[in-house]
Structure formats: structure tokens, C-alpha cells
Amino acid sequence: MEPRRIRLGDVIDDYCPRCRLIMNHGVVSLVGDEVKKVRCNTCLSEHQFRHGQLPASRKKAAAKLFEEVLKGISRPKELPALEPKPPEPPPQSAHRRLYTIHRAIGGKASGKGPKKS
């Protein structure tokens, strides 16, 4: 027994580029017995019939381009020597910082917070 011919409006499975999944599609256009366009029944977008094939992975293409760029970059023969950082001064104690702040403002209150009586 021969399989039934596909007609307009039939539901077939195809890859939807908008949903990025293989979903149910309705046949929109035919040329002879070949399906040319389909409409996704989930998102209602129309696109060419892709025969259910997933697209090529984008990661592989990006990795290939990255490798080409790296091949074109010449590496320096010697890396410049980095100068060591000067040591950081030891942290001041809280008492020392408070004394310095009071001296800087002349022992007056900053105006923030509750007043002391």
C-alpha cells in the first residue's frame, strides 16, 4: 500500500527556526508533490520546509573562527618583566582613624547623627 500524498493543510513535523524545536507544522505551499513552505502550529511563523533537519551548531562555527584569528596573531618572543608592587602600609587601628578625623574637623560634631548633651 502506498503512503498518502501530502496535501495543503496537512500536519507534518519540521524544525521551526523561531521555536528552535521540531514541532507540528501545517503545509502552506506545494510544488508538485514537494512541500515548499510550512506554518508552525505553535508560534504561527511561516518558513521554508527544512525536512526536519536541525541547523549546524553555532558553537562549532564560532570556535573555528576564533582559531583562525589566533593563527593570524604573532606571539611576542619575550614577555616584559613586571615590576613588583610596593608593599601596602599596615592598616590603622580604629582609634587612630577616629583621632585623625576629630583633629581634622576641629573636634566639632559633623552634624550627622544624634546630638550629645
C-alpha atoms as a PDB file:
ATOM      1  CA  MET A   1       0.000   0.000   0.000  1.00  0.00           C
ATOM      2  CA  GLU A   2       1.376   3.422  -0.976  1.00  0.00           C
ATOM      3  CA  PRO A   3       1.632   6.207   1.603  1.00  0.00           C
ATOM      4  CA  ARG A   4      -0.926   9.003   1.240  1.00  0.00           C
ATOM      5  CA  ARG A   5       0.195  12.078  -0.715  1.00  0.00           C
ATOM      6  CA  ILE A   6       0.688  15.246   1.284  1.00  0.00           C
ATOM      7  CA  ARG A   7      -1.942  17.936   0.665  1.00  0.00           C
ATOM      8  CA  LEU A   8      -2.350  21.596   1.704  1.00  0.00           C
ATOM      9  CA  GLY A   9      -3.226  21.905   5.385  1.00  0.00           C
ATOM     10  CA  ASP A  10      -1.766  18.540   6.381  1.00  0.00           C
ATOM     11  CA  VAL A  11       0.206  18.485   9.615  1.00  0.00           C
ATOM     12  CA  ILE A  12       3.843  17.380   9.374  1.00  0.00           C
ATOM     13  CA  ASP A  13       6.866  17.608  11.680  1.00  0.00           C
ATOM     14  CA  ASP A  14       9.588  20.122  10.827  1.00  0.00           C
ATOM     15  CA  TYR A  15      12.243  22.231  12.539  1.00  0.00           C
ATOM     16  CA  CYS A  16      10.963  25.697  13.482  1.00  0.00           C
ATOM     17  CA  PRO A  17      13.731  28.360  13.493  1.00  0.00           C
ATOM     18  CA  ARG A  18      11.682  30.601  15.769  1.00  0.00           C
ATOM     19  CA  CYS A  19      10.848  27.942  18.385  1.00  0.00           C
ATOM     20  CA  ARG A  20      14.180  26.172  17.757  1.00  0.00           C
ATOM     21  CA  LEU A  21      12.461  22.805  18.110  1.00  0.00           C
ATOM     22  CA  ILE A  22      10.947  20.161  15.883  1.00  0.00           C
ATOM     23  CA  MET A  23       7.243  20.957  16.094  1.00  0.00           C
ATOM     24  CA  ASN A  24       3.952  20.299  14.244  1.00  0.00           C
ATOM     25  CA  HIS A  25       3.592  22.389  11.073  1.00  0.00           C
ATOM     26  CA  GLY A  26       0.796  22.867   8.604  1.00  0.00           C
ATOM     27  CA  VAL A  27       1.608  22.675   4.888  1.00  0.00           C
ATOM     28  CA  VAL A  28       1.158  26.095   3.239  1.00  0.00           C
ATOM     29  CA  SER A  29       2.543  25.615  -0.274  1.00  0.00           C
ATOM     30  CA  LEU A  30       3.356  22.714  -2.563  1.00  0.00           C
ATOM     31  CA  VAL A  31       5.163  22.489  -5.886  1.00  0.00           C
ATOM     32  CA  GLY A  32       4.133  19.199  -7.436  1.00  0.00           C
ATOM     33  CA  ASP A  33       4.418  16.705  -4.611  1.00  0.00           C
ATOM     34  CA  GLU A  34       7.162  18.651  -2.779  1.00  0.00           C
ATOM     35  CA  VAL A  35       6.414  20.758   0.279  1.00  0.00           C
ATOM     36  CA  LYS A  36       7.934  24.257  -0.052  1.00  0.00           C
ATOM     37  CA  LYS A  37       6.520  26.298   2.849  1.00  0.00           C
ATOM     38  CA  VAL A  38       5.075  25.392   6.222  1.00  0.00           C
ATOM     39  CA  ARG A  39       3.500  27.275   9.151  1.00  0.00           C
ATOM     40  CA  CYS A  40       4.366  26.370  12.746  1.00  0.00           C
ATOM     41  CA  ASN A  41       1.244  25.447  14.713  1.00  0.00           C
ATOM     42  CA  THR A  42       2.872  26.703  17.937  1.00  0.00           C
ATOM     43  CA  CYS A  43       4.217  30.165  17.058  1.00  0.00           C
ATOM     44  CA  LEU A  44       2.374  30.622  13.706  1.00  0.00           C
ATOM     45  CA  SER A  45       5.530  31.646  11.800  1.00  0.00           C
ATOM     46  CA  GLU A  46       5.908  30.673   8.135  1.00  0.00           C
ATOM     47  CA  HIS A  47       9.196  29.403   6.739  1.00  0.00           C
ATOM     48  CA  GLN A  48      10.626  27.106   4.106  1.00  0.00           C
ATOM     49  CA  PHE A  49      10.286  23.397   4.700  1.00  0.00           C
ATOM     50  CA  ARG A  50      13.535  22.176   6.256  1.00  0.00           C
ATOM     51  CA  HIS A  51      12.829  18.420   6.105  1.00  0.00           C
ATOM     52  CA  GLY A  52      13.166  18.190   9.910  1.00  0.00           C
ATOM     53  CA  GLN A  53      16.925  18.832   9.831  1.00  0.00           C
ATOM     54  CA  LEU A  54      18.487  20.758  12.696  1.00  0.00           C
ATOM     55  CA  PRO A  55      20.785  23.665  11.726  1.00  0.00           C
ATOM     56  CA  ALA A  56      24.552  23.449  12.134  1.00  0.00           C
ATOM     57  CA  SER A  57      25.814  24.233  15.626  1.00  0.00           C
ATOM     58  CA  ARG A  58      26.802  27.875  16.129  1.00  0.00           C
ATOM     59  CA  LYS A  59      29.413  26.954  18.745  1.00  0.00           C
ATOM     60  CA  LYS A  60      31.449  24.956  16.243  1.00  0.00           C
ATOM     61  CA  ALA A  61      31.414  27.818  13.739  1.00  0.00           C
ATOM     62  CA  ALA A  62      32.421  30.359  16.403  1.00  0.00           C
ATOM     63  CA  ALA A  63      35.239  28.118  17.640  1.00  0.00           C
ATOM     64  CA  LYS A  64      36.516  27.688  14.082  1.00  0.00           C
ATOM     65  CA  LEU A  65      36.576  31.468  13.523  1.00  0.00           C
ATOM     66  CA  PHE A  66      38.326  32.002  16.856  1.00  0.00           C
ATOM     67  CA  GLU A  67      41.048  29.521  15.879  1.00  0.00           C
ATOM     68  CA  GLU A  68      41.593  31.344  12.566  1.00  0.00           C
ATOM     69  CA  VAL A  69      42.060  34.641  14.390  1.00  0.00           C
ATOM     70  CA  LEU A  70      44.552  33.086  16.794  1.00  0.00           C
ATOM     71  CA  LYS A  71      46.602  31.690  13.911  1.00  0.00           C
ATOM     72  CA  GLY A  72      46.969  35.187  12.449  1.00  0.00           C
ATOM     73  CA  ILE A  73      48.268  36.753  15.670  1.00  0.00           C
ATOM     74  CA  SER A  74      52.021  36.610  16.102  1.00  0.00           C
ATOM     75  CA  ARG A  75      53.144  35.848  19.626  1.00  0.00           C
ATOM     76  CA  PRO A  76      55.771  38.061  21.282  1.00  0.00           C
ATOM     77  CA  LYS A  77      59.066  36.288  21.877  1.00  0.00           C
ATOM     78  CA  GLU A  78      59.602  37.676  25.369  1.00  0.00           C
ATOM     79  CA  LEU A  79      57.088  38.955  27.822  1.00  0.00           C
ATOM     80  CA  PRO A  80      58.115  42.207  29.529  1.00  0.00           C
ATOM     81  CA  ALA A  81      59.133  41.771  33.157  1.00  0.00           C
ATOM     82  CA  LEU A  82      56.525  43.064  35.542  1.00  0.00           C
ATOM     83  CA  GLU A  83      57.704  45.391  38.282  1.00  0.00           C
ATOM     84  CA  PRO A  84      56.756  44.260  41.779  1.00  0.00           C
ATOM     85  CA  LYS A  85      54.168  46.331  43.628  1.00  0.00           C
ATOM     86  CA  PRO A  86      55.332  48.350  46.620  1.00  0.00           C
ATOM     87  CA  PRO A  87      54.101  46.834  49.887  1.00  0.00           C
ATOM     88  CA  GLU A  88      50.868  48.295  51.240  1.00  0.00           C
ATOM     89  CA  PRO A  89      51.065  50.213  54.523  1.00  0.00           C
ATOM     90  CA  PRO A  90      49.662  48.381  57.533  1.00  0.00           C
ATOM     91  CA  PRO A  91      46.031  49.233  58.322  1.00  0.00           C
ATOM     92  CA  GLN A  92      45.465  51.845  61.001  1.00  0.00           C
ATOM     93  CA  SER A  93      43.626  50.984  64.167  1.00  0.00           C
ATOM     94  CA  ALA A  94      40.078  52.308  64.592  1.00  0.00           C
ATOM     95  CA  HIS A  95      41.182  54.529  67.488  1.00  0.00           C
ATOM     96  CA  ARG A  96      43.905  56.167  65.378  1.00  0.00           C
ATOM     97  CA  ARG A  97      41.486  56.877  62.486  1.00  0.00           C
ATOM     98  CA  LEU A  98      38.891  58.404  64.830  1.00  0.00           C
ATOM     99  CA  TYR A  99      41.525  60.641  66.441  1.00  0.00           C
ATOM    100  CA  THR A 100      42.632  61.857  62.985  1.00  0.00           C
ATOM    101  CA  ILE A 101      39.044  62.650  61.953  1.00  0.00           C
ATOM    102  CA  HIS A 102      38.360  64.625  65.146  1.00  0.00           C
ATOM    103  CA  ARG A 103      41.593  66.589  64.643  1.00  0.00           C
ATOM    104  CA  ALA A 104      40.681  67.340  61.015  1.00  0.00           C
ATOM    105  CA  ILE A 105      37.253  68.784  61.871  1.00  0.00           C
ATOM    106  CA  GLY A 106      38.480  70.623  64.954  1.00  0.00           C
ATOM    107  CA  GLY A 107      36.765  68.383  67.471  1.00  0.00           C
ATOM    108  CA  LYS A 108      33.339  69.541  66.291  1.00  0.00           C
ATOM    109  CA  ALA A 109      30.446  67.248  65.544  1.00  0.00           C
ATOM    110  CA  SER A 110      29.848  66.613  61.864  1.00  0.00           C
ATOM    111  CA  GLY A 111      26.135  67.398  62.178  1.00  0.00           C
ATOM    112  CA  LYS A 112      25.129  63.860  61.342  1.00  0.00           C
ATOM    113  CA  GLY A 113      23.532  61.631  63.937  1.00  0.00           C
ATOM    114  CA  PRO A 114      22.056  62.456  67.320  1.00  0.00           C
ATOM    115  CA  LYS A 115      23.465  65.354  69.344  1.00  0.00           C
ATOM    116  CA  LYS A 116      25.262  64.522  72.531  1.00  0.00           C
ATOM    117  CA  SER A 117      24.422  66.585  75.636  1.00  0.00           C
END
